[in-house]
Amino acid sequence: MPRFPKRTGREALTDHPRLPDWITQERVNLRELHEMKAALRDSHLHTVCEEARCPNRAHCFSHGTATFLLMGDTCTRACGFCAIQSGKPNLLDPLEPEATASQVEALGLRYAVLTSVNRDDLPDGGAAHFAATILAIRRRCPTTQVEVLTPDFLGDLSAVAQVVAAGPAVFNHNTETVPSLYAEVRPAGRFERSLSVLREAKGLGSALFGEGFRTKSGLMLGLGETEAELLYVFAALVEAGVDILTLGQYLRPTRYQLPVKRYVTPEEFTNFGAKAKALGFKTVYAGPLVRSSFNAYEVSEMEGIAIA
């Protein structure tokens, strides 16, 4: 039986590869961020930044931004990479959309990112709740742009349409990894289903809002994927009309999630970013600490390749 040191976290297994310098040098003391975290907790809202133990939460909090986690902190799925707790969620809070909009206004956010746990227990997967939150933010903060990072809604395209119709600037749905790893990494997900969600969002959004509407997807590297598999996914996402691609290193949130198979070097991220851009993405953001919502506003505004 493997032994675990008292220090828990990404590298708890004694035979697990240690974090390389290009990741550890970015760590920041989160105690400096008390004011931002306290404001969010006082509002009784959740952020994916903390629930999923994102490595960039120090950067985002210190810049006055956060990704709001809608519909509670309990997910109906149990993905192998994710630290958010799974189980039976509570009932939806009907006041959450307005409370989220109020917090966006109080923080003076120019760009708000909304995501959620999977709510497969709901008939629409939570699509109406997403839409209500987008509309509440637009009423209170008409100049604030909203990006959504949605689940796959079990392939319900009417749910996708409901979210798109509310007018997000960017519709993001992460494919997370390559199809061969779904059974281990994302067992309740289906690669083709994710592609259909992205394809539908792009078609509807472009028809309603024109060329300014963008779709986005992201993958984690270091779970055992091959370069050939990555290139296949890149091409499939381009075919589905995805505008923005993010590529980041998978980092094990706690000892209970999947181990890292390997750490992808910054040079490799540069190479993958260039190959992805050549396939047709408008924007590619790649680097070890890139996450789908990291620097979301800056990424939404640029075209080309950015390396973090």
C-alpha atoms as a PDB file:
ATOM      1  CA  MET A   1       0.000   0.000   0.000  1.00  0.00           C
ATOM      2  CA  PRO A   2       1.423   3.429  -0.933  1.00  0.00           C
ATOM      3  CA  ARG A   3       2.330   5.766   1.899  1.00  0.00           C
ATOM      4  CA  PHE A   4       1.164   9.350   1.991  1.00  0.00           C
ATOM      5  CA  PRO A   5       3.149  12.095   3.702  1.00  0.00           C
ATOM      6  CA  LYS A   6       1.336  14.513   5.991  1.00  0.00           C
ATOM      7  CA  ARG A   7       1.510  17.181   3.315  1.00  0.00           C
ATOM      8  CA  THR A   8      -1.449  16.395   1.077  1.00  0.00           C
ATOM      9  CA  GLY A   9      -2.029  17.805  -2.369  1.00  0.00           C
ATOM     10  CA  ARG A  10      -0.939  17.284  -5.939  1.00  0.00           C
ATOM     11  CA  GLU A  11       2.243  15.351  -5.124  1.00  0.00           C
ATOM     12  CA  ALA A  12       1.060  13.217  -2.210  1.00  0.00           C
ATOM     13  CA  LEU A  13       2.055   9.843  -3.661  1.00  0.00           C
ATOM     14  CA  THR A  14       5.659   9.057  -2.761  1.00  0.00           C
ATOM     15  CA  ASP A  15       6.388   7.598  -6.210  1.00  0.00           C
ATOM     16  CA  HIS A  16       4.784  10.486  -8.076  1.00  0.00           C
ATOM     17  CA  PRO A  17       6.943  12.866 -10.180  1.00  0.00           C
ATOM     18  CA  ARG A  18       7.613  16.165  -8.462  1.00  0.00           C
ATOM     19  CA  LEU A  19       6.507  19.524  -9.771  1.00  0.00           C
ATOM     20  CA  PRO A  20       9.043  21.052 -12.166  1.00  0.00           C
ATOM     21  CA  ASP A  21      10.495  24.519 -11.657  1.00  0.00           C
ATOM     22  CA  TRP A  22       8.369  26.155 -14.347  1.00  0.00           C
ATOM     23  CA  ILE A  23       5.269  25.389 -12.265  1.00  0.00           C
ATOM     24  CA  THR A  24       6.481  25.876  -8.685  1.00  0.00           C
ATOM     25  CA  GLN A  25       7.991  29.289  -9.413  1.00  0.00           C
ATOM     26  CA  GLU A  26       4.497  30.659 -10.055  1.00  0.00           C
ATOM     27  CA  ARG A  27       3.098  29.906  -6.608  1.00  0.00           C
ATOM     28  CA  VAL A  28       1.773  32.829  -4.579  1.00  0.00           C
ATOM     29  CA  ASN A  29       0.774  33.066  -0.919  1.00  0.00           C
ATOM     30  CA  LEU A  30      -3.034  33.077  -0.873  1.00  0.00           C
ATOM     31  CA  ARG A  31      -3.157  34.744   2.555  1.00  0.00           C
ATOM     32  CA  GLU A  32      -2.532  38.025   0.742  1.00  0.00           C
ATOM     33  CA  LEU A  33      -5.900  37.617  -0.970  1.00  0.00           C
ATOM     34  CA  HIS A  34      -8.126  37.625   2.110  1.00  0.00           C
ATOM     35  CA  GLU A  35     -10.271  40.608   1.105  1.00  0.00           C
ATOM     36  CA  MET A  36     -11.383  39.147  -2.218  1.00  0.00           C
ATOM     37  CA  LYS A  37     -12.065  35.709  -0.762  1.00  0.00           C
ATOM     38  CA  ALA A  38     -13.980  37.192   2.185  1.00  0.00           C
ATOM     39  CA  ALA A  39     -16.207  39.213  -0.160  1.00  0.00           C
ATOM     40  CA  LEU A  40     -17.120  36.118  -2.127  1.00  0.00           C
ATOM     41  CA  ARG A  41     -17.857  34.079   0.989  1.00  0.00           C
ATOM     42  CA  ASP A  42     -19.974  36.854   2.482  1.00  0.00           C
ATOM     43  CA  SER A  43     -22.103  36.710  -0.662  1.00  0.00           C
ATOM     44  CA  HIS A  44     -22.557  32.915  -0.186  1.00  0.00           C
ATOM     45  CA  LEU A  45     -21.400  32.338  -3.752  1.00  0.00           C
ATOM     46  CA  HIS A  46     -18.948  29.692  -4.912  1.00  0.00           C
ATOM     47  CA  THR A  47     -16.003  30.044  -7.260  1.00  0.00           C
ATOM     48  CA  VAL A  48     -14.508  27.243  -9.291  1.00  0.00           C
ATOM     49  CA  CYS A  49     -11.167  28.883  -8.473  1.00  0.00           C
ATOM     50  CA  GLU A  50     -11.310  27.534  -4.929  1.00  0.00           C
ATOM     51  CA  GLU A  51     -13.614  24.527  -5.263  1.00  0.00           C
ATOM     52  CA  ALA A  52     -11.388  22.992  -7.969  1.00  0.00           C
ATOM     53  CA  ARG A  53      -8.142  24.297  -6.382  1.00  0.00           C
ATOM     54  CA  CYS A  54      -7.078  26.075  -9.552  1.00  0.00           C
ATOM     55  CA  PRO A  55      -3.340  26.899  -9.551  1.00  0.00           C
ATOM     56  CA  ASN A  56      -4.095  30.383 -10.893  1.00  0.00           C
ATOM     57  CA  ARG A  57      -6.508  31.486  -8.182  1.00  0.00           C
ATOM     58  CA  ALA A  58      -3.867  33.751  -6.618  1.00  0.00           C
ATOM     59  CA  HIS A  59      -3.346  35.613  -9.891  1.00  0.00           C
ATOM     60  CA  CYS A  60      -7.044  35.983 -10.637  1.00  0.00           C
ATOM     61  CA  PHE A  61      -8.110  36.998  -7.131  1.00  0.00           C
ATOM     62  CA  SER A  62      -5.319  39.580  -6.892  1.00  0.00           C
ATOM     63  CA  HIS A  63      -6.529  41.075 -10.191  1.00  0.00           C
ATOM     64  CA  GLY A  64     -10.118  41.309  -8.919  1.00  0.00           C
ATOM     65  CA  THR A  65     -11.528  38.546 -11.126  1.00  0.00           C
ATOM     66  CA  ALA A  66     -13.081  35.171 -10.443  1.00  0.00           C
ATOM     67  CA  THR A  67     -15.036  32.437 -12.171  1.00  0.00           C
ATOM     68  CA  PHE A  68     -18.395  31.966 -10.478  1.00  0.00           C
ATOM     69  CA  LEU A  69     -19.515  28.400  -9.852  1.00  0.00           C
ATOM     70  CA  LEU A  70     -23.291  28.251 -10.232  1.00  0.00           C
ATOM     71  CA  MET A  71     -25.803  25.759  -8.852  1.00  0.00           C
ATOM     72  CA  GLY A  72     -23.962  24.746  -5.713  1.00  0.00           C
ATOM     73  CA  ASP A  73     -20.692  23.032  -4.901  1.00  0.00           C
ATOM     74  CA  THR A  74     -21.771  19.400  -5.431  1.00  0.00           C
ATOM     75  CA  CYS A  75     -21.543  17.749  -8.853  1.00  0.00           C
ATOM     76  CA  THR A  76     -23.630  14.866 -10.155  1.00  0.00           C
ATOM     77  CA  ARG A  77     -20.555  13.450 -11.908  1.00  0.00           C
ATOM     78  CA  ALA A  78     -17.208  12.212 -10.600  1.00  0.00           C
ATOM     79  CA  CYS A  79     -14.538  13.009 -13.173  1.00  0.00           C
ATOM     80  CA  GLY A  80     -11.121  11.566 -12.494  1.00  0.00           C
ATOM     81  CA  PHE A  81      -9.316  14.919 -12.666  1.00  0.00           C
ATOM     82  CA  CYS A  82     -11.635  17.149 -10.651  1.00  0.00           C
ATOM     83  CA  ALA A  83     -11.557  18.061  -6.947  1.00  0.00           C
ATOM     84  CA  ILE A  84     -15.153  19.315  -6.757  1.00  0.00           C
ATOM     85  CA  GLN A  85     -17.188  17.026  -4.518  1.00  0.00           C
ATOM     86  CA  SER A  86     -19.691  14.701  -6.139  1.00  0.00           C
ATOM     87  CA  GLY A  87     -23.014  13.543  -4.770  1.00  0.00           C
ATOM     88  CA  LYS A  88     -26.629  14.624  -4.604  1.00  0.00           C
ATOM     89  CA  PRO A  89     -26.833  18.411  -5.046  1.00  0.00           C
ATOM     90  CA  ASN A  90     -29.154  20.719  -3.160  1.00  0.00           C
ATOM     91  CA  LEU A  91     -32.116  22.404  -4.811  1.00  0.00           C
ATOM     92  CA  LEU A  92     -31.311  25.373  -7.001  1.00  0.00           C
ATOM     93  CA  ASP A  93     -31.208  28.742  -5.267  1.00  0.00           C
ATOM     94  CA  PRO A  94     -33.601  30.996  -7.232  1.00  0.00           C
ATOM     95  CA  LEU A  95     -31.834  34.052  -5.810  1.00  0.00           C
ATOM     96  CA  GLU A  96     -28.398  33.031  -7.096  1.00  0.00           C
ATOM     97  CA  PRO A  97     -28.620  34.696 -10.540  1.00  0.00           C
ATOM     98  CA  GLU A  98     -29.383  38.098  -9.017  1.00  0.00           C
ATOM     99  CA  ALA A  99     -26.843  37.586  -6.208  1.00  0.00           C
ATOM    100  CA  THR A 100     -24.165  36.767  -8.761  1.00  0.00           C
ATOM    101  CA  ALA A 101     -25.014  39.867 -10.779  1.00  0.00           C
ATOM    102  CA  SER A 102     -24.857  41.947  -7.607  1.00  0.00           C
ATOM    103  CA  GLN A 103     -21.395  40.600  -6.841  1.00  0.00           C
ATOM    104  CA  VAL A 104     -20.205  41.281 -10.397  1.00  0.00           C
ATOM    105  CA  GLU A 105     -21.408  44.863  -9.980  1.00  0.00           C
ATOM    106  CA  ALA A 106     -19.814  45.250  -6.535  1.00  0.00           C
ATOM    107  CA  LEU A 107     -16.463  43.967  -7.788  1.00  0.00           C
ATOM    108  CA  GLY A 108     -16.604  46.198 -10.856  1.00  0.00           C
ATOM    109  CA  LEU A 109     -15.840  43.334 -13.204  1.00  0.00           C
ATOM    110  CA  ARG A 110     -15.502  44.169 -16.880  1.00  0.00           C
ATOM    111  CA  TYR A 111     -15.628  40.466 -17.733  1.00  0.00           C
ATOM    112  CA  ALA A 112     -17.503  37.827 -15.759  1.00  0.00           C
ATOM    113  CA  VAL A 113     -17.017  34.090 -16.222  1.00  0.00           C
ATOM    114  CA  LEU A 114     -19.822  31.723 -15.227  1.00  0.00           C
ATOM    115  CA  THR A 115     -19.443  27.987 -14.884  1.00  0.00           C
ATOM    116  CA  SER A 116     -21.264  25.303 -12.931  1.00  0.00           C
ATOM    117  CA  VAL A 117     -21.165  21.847 -11.528  1.00  0.00           C
ATOM    118  CA  ASN A 118     -22.854  19.217 -13.681  1.00  0.00           C
ATOM    119  CA  ARG A 119     -26.543  19.077 -12.787  1.00  0.00           C
ATOM    120  CA  ASP A 120     -27.709  15.929 -14.569  1.00  0.00           C
ATOM    121  CA  ASP A 121     -30.526  15.788 -12.010  1.00  0.00           C
ATOM    122  CA  LEU A 122     -32.248  18.762 -13.661  1.00  0.00           C
ATOM    123  CA  PRO A 123     -34.392  18.377 -16.782  1.00  0.00           C
ATOM    124  CA  ASP A 124     -32.452  21.100 -18.629  1.00  0.00           C
ATOM    125  CA  GLY A 125     -29.092  20.493 -16.931  1.00  0.00           C
ATOM    126  CA  GLY A 126     -29.276  23.982 -15.443  1.00  0.00           C
ATOM    127  CA  ALA A 127     -29.513  25.853 -18.755  1.00  0.00           C
ATOM    128  CA  ALA A 128     -32.311  28.152 -17.550  1.00  0.00           C
ATOM    129  CA  HIS A 129     -30.224  29.050 -14.494  1.00  0.00           C
ATOM    130  CA  PHE A 130     -27.258  29.954 -16.698  1.00  0.00           C
ATOM    131  CA  ALA A 131     -29.517  32.093 -18.884  1.00  0.00           C
ATOM    132  CA  ALA A 132     -31.092  33.845 -15.905  1.00  0.00           C
ATOM    133  CA  THR A 133     -27.662  34.707 -14.509  1.00  0.00           C
ATOM    134  CA  ILE A 134     -26.423  36.086 -17.830  1.00  0.00           C
ATOM    135  CA  LEU A 135     -29.516  38.261 -18.152  1.00  0.00           C
ATOM    136  CA  ALA A 136     -29.258  39.476 -14.541  1.00  0.00           C
ATOM    137  CA  ILE A 137     -25.654  40.569 -15.124  1.00  0.00           C
ATOM    138  CA  ARG A 138     -26.589  42.331 -18.356  1.00  0.00           C
ATOM    139  CA  ARG A 139     -29.355  44.253 -16.568  1.00  0.00           C
ATOM    140  CA  ARG A 140     -27.107  45.413 -13.739  1.00  0.00           C
ATOM    141  CA  CYS A 141     -23.868  45.768 -15.678  1.00  0.00           C
ATOM    142  CA  PRO A 142     -24.665  46.445 -19.345  1.00  0.00           C
ATOM    143  CA  THR A 143     -21.004  46.990 -20.278  1.00  0.00           C
ATOM    144  CA  THR A 144     -19.786  43.770 -18.640  1.00  0.00           C
ATOM    145  CA  GLN A 145     -19.149  40.902 -21.010  1.00  0.00           C
ATOM    146  CA  VAL A 146     -20.071  37.389 -19.892  1.00  0.00           C
ATOM    147  CA  GLU A 147     -18.314  34.152 -20.754  1.00  0.00           C
ATOM    148  CA  VAL A 148     -19.951  30.831 -19.900  1.00  0.00           C
ATOM    149  CA  LEU A 149     -18.194  27.517 -19.357  1.00  0.00           C
ATOM    150  CA  THR A 150     -20.981  24.975 -19.534  1.00  0.00           C
ATOM    151  CA  PRO A 151     -21.398  21.243 -19.027  1.00  0.00           C
ATOM    152  CA  ASP A 152     -22.563  19.140 -21.981  1.00  0.00           C
ATOM    153  CA  PHE A 153     -26.228  19.147 -20.839  1.00  0.00           C
ATOM    154  CA  LEU A 154     -26.258  15.407 -21.725  1.00  0.00           C
ATOM    155  CA  GLY A 155     -26.382  16.480 -25.362  1.00  0.00           C
ATOM    156  CA  ASP A 156     -29.650  18.433 -25.041  1.00  0.00           C
ATOM    157  CA  LEU A 157     -29.270  21.006 -27.811  1.00  0.00           C
ATOM    158  CA  SER A 158     -32.363  22.918 -26.700  1.00  0.00           C
ATOM    159  CA  ALA A 159     -30.494  23.598 -23.451  1.00  0.00           C
ATOM    160  CA  VAL A 160     -27.522  24.875 -25.449  1.00  0.00           C
ATOM    161  CA  ALA A 161     -29.877  27.153 -27.387  1.00  0.00           C
ATOM    162  CA  GLN A 162     -31.332  28.591 -24.188  1.00  0.00           C
ATOM    163  CA  VAL A 163     -27.891  29.596 -22.898  1.00  0.00           C
ATOM    164  CA  VAL A 164     -26.769  31.039 -26.241  1.00  0.00           C
ATOM    165  CA  ALA A 165     -29.968  33.075 -26.640  1.00  0.00           C
ATOM    166  CA  ALA A 166     -29.201  34.903 -23.372  1.00  0.00           C
ATOM    167  CA  GLY A 167     -26.245  36.513 -25.139  1.00  0.00           C
ATOM    168  CA  PRO A 168     -22.893  35.445 -23.687  1.00  0.00           C
ATOM    169  CA  ALA A 169     -19.880  36.898 -25.489  1.00  0.00           C
ATOM    170  CA  VAL A 170     -18.105  33.537 -25.378  1.00  0.00           C
ATOM    171  CA  PHE A 171     -19.579  30.039 -25.098  1.00  0.00           C
ATOM    172  CA  ASN A 172     -16.997  27.641 -23.677  1.00  0.00           C
ATOM    173  CA  HIS A 173     -17.300  23.893 -23.260  1.00  0.00           C
ATOM    174  CA  ASN A 174     -14.166  21.915 -22.478  1.00  0.00           C
ATOM    175  CA  THR A 175     -13.431  18.627 -24.205  1.00  0.00           C
ATOM    176  CA  GLU A 176     -10.765  18.161 -21.469  1.00  0.00           C
ATOM    177  CA  THR A 177      -8.765  15.323 -23.064  1.00  0.00           C
ATOM    178  CA  VAL A 178      -8.540  12.935 -26.016  1.00  0.00           C
ATOM    179  CA  PRO A 179     -11.288  10.342 -26.680  1.00  0.00           C
ATOM    180  CA  SER A 180      -9.171   7.323 -25.660  1.00  0.00           C
ATOM    181  CA  LEU A 181      -8.868   8.691 -22.106  1.00  0.00           C
ATOM    182  CA  TYR A 182     -12.522   9.572 -21.536  1.00  0.00           C
ATOM    183  CA  ALA A 183     -13.343   6.327 -19.710  1.00  0.00           C
ATOM    184  CA  GLU A 184     -10.787   7.197 -17.029  1.00  0.00           C
ATOM    185  CA  VAL A 185     -10.721  10.985 -17.062  1.00  0.00           C
ATOM    186  CA  ARG A 186     -14.307  11.885 -17.901  1.00  0.00           C
ATOM    187  CA  PRO A 187     -16.388   8.700 -17.660  1.00  0.00           C
ATOM    188  CA  ALA A 188     -19.806  10.363 -17.936  1.00  0.00           C
ATOM    189  CA  GLY A 189     -18.732  12.463 -20.909  1.00  0.00           C
ATOM    190  CA  ARG A 190     -18.774  11.636 -24.599  1.00  0.00           C
ATOM    191  CA  PHE A 191     -16.387  13.288 -27.049  1.00  0.00           C
ATOM    192  CA  GLU A 192     -18.878  13.395 -29.928  1.00  0.00           C
ATOM    193  CA  ARG A 193     -21.504  14.836 -27.595  1.00  0.00           C
ATOM    194  CA  SER A 194     -19.153  17.649 -26.634  1.00  0.00           C
ATOM    195  CA  LEU A 195     -18.477  18.362 -30.296  1.00  0.00           C
ATOM    196  CA  SER A 196     -22.224  18.565 -30.994  1.00  0.00           C
ATOM    197  CA  VAL A 197     -22.664  21.074 -28.136  1.00  0.00           C
ATOM    198  CA  LEU A 198     -19.888  23.282 -29.497  1.00  0.00           C
ATOM    199  CA  ARG A 199     -21.119  22.986 -33.070  1.00  0.00           C
ATOM    200  CA  GLU A 200     -24.669  23.930 -32.077  1.00  0.00           C
ATOM    201  CA  ALA A 201     -23.518  26.866 -29.969  1.00  0.00           C
ATOM    202  CA  LYS A 202     -21.426  28.236 -32.816  1.00  0.00           C
ATOM    203  CA  GLY A 203     -24.214  27.948 -35.360  1.00  0.00           C
ATOM    204  CA  LEU A 204     -26.870  29.528 -33.158  1.00  0.00           C
ATOM    205  CA  GLY A 205     -24.604  32.231 -31.745  1.00  0.00           C
ATOM    206  CA  SER A 206     -23.362  33.299 -35.157  1.00  0.00           C
ATOM    207  CA  ALA A 207     -26.926  33.483 -36.476  1.00  0.00           C
ATOM    208  CA  LEU A 208     -28.095  35.588 -33.521  1.00  0.00           C
ATOM    209  CA  PHE A 209     -25.087  37.801 -32.829  1.00  0.00           C
ATOM    210  CA  GLY A 210     -22.867  37.696 -35.891  1.00  0.00           C
ATOM    211  CA  GLU A 211     -19.116  37.289 -36.125  1.00  0.00           C
ATOM    212  CA  GLY A 212     -18.509  38.705 -32.642  1.00  0.00           C
ATOM    213  CA  PHE A 213     -19.864  35.573 -30.997  1.00  0.00           C
ATOM    214  CA  ARG A 214     -17.067  33.122 -30.134  1.00  0.00           C
ATOM    215  CA  THR A 215     -16.852  29.533 -28.997  1.00  0.00           C
ATOM    216  CA  LYS A 216     -14.040  28.065 -26.954  1.00  0.00           C
ATOM    217  CA  SER A 217     -12.743  24.736 -25.684  1.00  0.00           C
ATOM    218  CA  GLY A 218      -9.821  23.523 -23.611  1.00  0.00           C
ATOM    219  CA  LEU A 219      -7.690  20.448 -22.983  1.00  0.00           C
ATOM    220  CA  MET A 220      -5.429  19.278 -20.171  1.00  0.00           C
ATOM    221  CA  LEU A 221      -2.093  17.752 -21.149  1.00  0.00           C
ATOM    222  CA  GLY A 222      -0.041  15.235 -19.222  1.00  0.00           C
ATOM    223  CA  LEU A 223      -2.684  12.533 -18.710  1.00  0.00           C
ATOM    224  CA  GLY A 224      -1.199  10.066 -21.194  1.00  0.00           C
ATOM    225  CA  GLU A 225      -2.370  11.488 -24.524  1.00  0.00           C
ATOM    226  CA  THR A 226      -0.212  11.237 -27.656  1.00  0.00           C
ATOM    227  CA  GLU A 227       0.601  14.017 -30.088  1.00  0.00           C
ATOM    228  CA  ALA A 228      -1.356  12.272 -32.830  1.00  0.00           C
ATOM    229  CA  GLU A 229      -4.416  12.136 -30.572  1.00  0.00           C
ATOM    230  CA  LEU A 230      -4.097  15.823 -29.741  1.00  0.00           C
ATOM    231  CA  LEU A 231      -3.877  16.782 -33.401  1.00  0.00           C
ATOM    232  CA  TYR A 232      -7.005  14.723 -34.087  1.00  0.00           C
ATOM    233  CA  VAL A 233      -8.903  16.612 -31.363  1.00  0.00           C
ATOM    234  CA  PHE A 234      -7.613  19.989 -32.591  1.00  0.00           C
ATOM    235  CA  ALA A 235      -8.875  19.239 -36.099  1.00  0.00           C
ATOM    236  CA  ALA A 236     -12.270  18.039 -34.805  1.00  0.00           C
ATOM    237  CA  LEU A 237     -12.702  21.238 -32.769  1.00  0.00           C
ATOM    238  CA  VAL A 238     -11.851  23.407 -35.773  1.00  0.00           C
ATOM    239  CA  GLU A 239     -14.424  21.473 -37.814  1.00  0.00           C
ATOM    240  CA  ALA A 240     -16.996  22.187 -35.077  1.00  0.00           C
ATOM    241  CA  GLY A 241     -16.344  25.918 -35.477  1.00  0.00           C
ATOM    242  CA  VAL A 242     -14.421  26.498 -32.239  1.00  0.00           C
ATOM    243  CA  ASP A 243     -12.648  29.873 -32.269  1.00  0.00           C
ATOM    244  CA  ILE A 244     -10.498  29.737 -29.125  1.00  0.00           C
ATOM    245  CA  LEU A 245      -8.423  26.811 -27.823  1.00  0.00           C
ATOM    246  CA  THR A 246      -6.716  26.638 -24.434  1.00  0.00           C
ATOM    247  CA  LEU A 247      -4.029  24.092 -23.573  1.00  0.00           C
ATOM    248  CA  GLY A 248      -2.711  23.610 -20.041  1.00  0.00           C
ATOM    249  CA  GLN A 249      -0.891  21.125 -17.844  1.00  0.00           C
ATOM    250  CA  TYR A 250      -3.024  18.766 -15.774  1.00  0.00           C
ATOM    251  CA  LEU A 251      -2.101  19.207 -12.103  1.00  0.00           C
ATOM    252  CA  ARG A 252      -3.406  16.743  -9.564  1.00  0.00           C
ATOM    253  CA  PRO A 253      -5.611  18.695  -7.133  1.00  0.00           C
ATOM    254  CA  THR A 254      -5.406  16.123  -4.303  1.00  0.00           C
ATOM    255  CA  ARG A 255      -4.215  12.539  -3.846  1.00  0.00           C
ATOM    256  CA  TYR A 256      -7.729  11.314  -4.692  1.00  0.00           C
ATOM    257  CA  GLN A 257      -7.565  12.403  -8.342  1.00  0.00           C
ATOM    258  CA  LEU A 258      -5.688  10.849 -11.254  1.00  0.00           C
ATOM    259  CA  PRO A 259      -1.896  11.085 -11.121  1.00  0.00           C
ATOM    260  CA  VAL A 260       0.052  13.161 -13.609  1.00  0.00           C
ATOM    261  CA  LYS A 261       1.611  10.928 -16.254  1.00  0.00           C
ATOM    262  CA  ARG A 262       4.149  13.529 -17.327  1.00  0.00           C
ATOM    263  CA  TYR A 263       4.900  17.238 -17.186  1.00  0.00           C
ATOM    264  CA  VAL A 264       4.787  18.892 -20.582  1.00  0.00           C
ATOM    265  CA  THR A 265       7.585  21.425 -21.050  1.00  0.00           C
ATOM    266  CA  PRO A 266       6.970  25.062 -21.976  1.00  0.00           C
ATOM    267  CA  GLU A 267       8.698  24.391 -25.303  1.00  0.00           C
ATOM    268  CA  GLU A 268       6.235  21.607 -26.074  1.00  0.00           C
ATOM    269  CA  PHE A 269       3.317  23.900 -25.287  1.00  0.00           C
ATOM    270  CA  THR A 270       4.731  26.408 -27.761  1.00  0.00           C
ATOM    271  CA  ASN A 271       4.971  23.663 -30.382  1.00  0.00           C
ATOM    272  CA  PHE A 272       1.434  22.368 -29.768  1.00  0.00           C
ATOM    273  CA  GLY A 273       0.090  25.922 -29.834  1.00  0.00           C
ATOM    274  CA  ALA A 274       1.666  26.579 -33.223  1.00  0.00           C
ATOM    275  CA  LYS A 275       0.334  23.317 -34.672  1.00  0.00           C
ATOM    276  CA  ALA A 276      -3.163  24.042 -33.350  1.00  0.00           C
ATOM    277  CA  LYS A 277      -3.155  27.573 -34.779  1.00  0.00           C
ATOM    278  CA  ALA A 278      -2.071  26.233 -38.163  1.00  0.00           C
ATOM    279  CA  LEU A 279      -5.191  24.052 -38.247  1.00  0.00           C
ATOM    280  CA  GLY A 280      -7.479  27.076 -38.163  1.00  0.00           C
ATOM    281  CA  PHE A 281      -8.204  28.368 -34.635  1.00  0.00           C
ATOM    282  CA  LYS A 282      -8.492  32.138 -34.361  1.00  0.00           C
ATOM    283  CA  THR A 283      -6.816  32.123 -30.955  1.00  0.00           C
ATOM    284  CA  VAL A 284      -4.679  29.585 -29.089  1.00  0.00           C
ATOM    285  CA  TYR A 285      -3.587  30.139 -25.481  1.00  0.00           C
ATOM    286  CA  ALA A 286      -1.099  27.511 -24.332  1.00  0.00           C
ATOM    287  CA  GLY A 287       1.180  27.018 -21.348  1.00  0.00           C
ATOM    288  CA  PRO A 288       1.669  24.907 -18.216  1.00  0.00           C
ATOM    289  CA  LEU A 289      -0.603  27.024 -16.007  1.00  0.00           C
ATOM    290  CA  VAL A 290      -3.202  27.926 -18.624  1.00  0.00           C
ATOM    291  CA  ARG A 291      -6.762  27.097 -17.633  1.00  0.00           C
ATOM    292  CA  SER A 292      -9.885  27.719 -19.673  1.00  0.00           C
ATOM    293  CA  SER A 293     -10.883  30.787 -17.653  1.00  0.00           C
ATOM    294  CA  PHE A 294      -7.378  32.155 -16.965  1.00  0.00           C
ATOM    295  CA  ASN A 295      -6.966  35.653 -18.450  1.00  0.00           C
ATOM    296  CA  ALA A 296     -10.340  35.049 -20.096  1.00  0.00           C
ATOM    297  CA  TYR A 297     -10.937  38.690 -21.036  1.00  0.00           C
ATOM    298  CA  GLU A 298      -7.512  39.147 -22.635  1.00  0.00           C
ATOM    299  CA  VAL A 299      -7.838  35.865 -24.541  1.00  0.00           C
ATOM    300  CA  SER A 300     -11.315  36.780 -25.793  1.00  0.00           C
ATOM    301  CA  GLU A 301      -9.959  39.999 -27.294  1.00  0.00           C
ATOM    302  CA  MET A 302      -6.897  38.657 -29.072  1.00  0.00           C
ATOM    303  CA  GLU A 303      -6.212  36.679 -32.215  1.00  0.00           C
ATOM    304  CA  GLY A 304      -3.160  34.499 -32.769  1.00  0.00           C
ATOM    305  CA  ILE A 305      -1.058  32.506 -30.338  1.00  0.00           C
ATOM    306  CA  ALA A 306      -0.274  33.419 -26.734  1.00  0.00           C
ATOM    307  CA  ILE A 307       2.092  31.369 -24.590  1.00  0.00           C
ATOM    308  CA  ALA A 308       1.821  31.608 -20.815  1.00  0.00           C
END
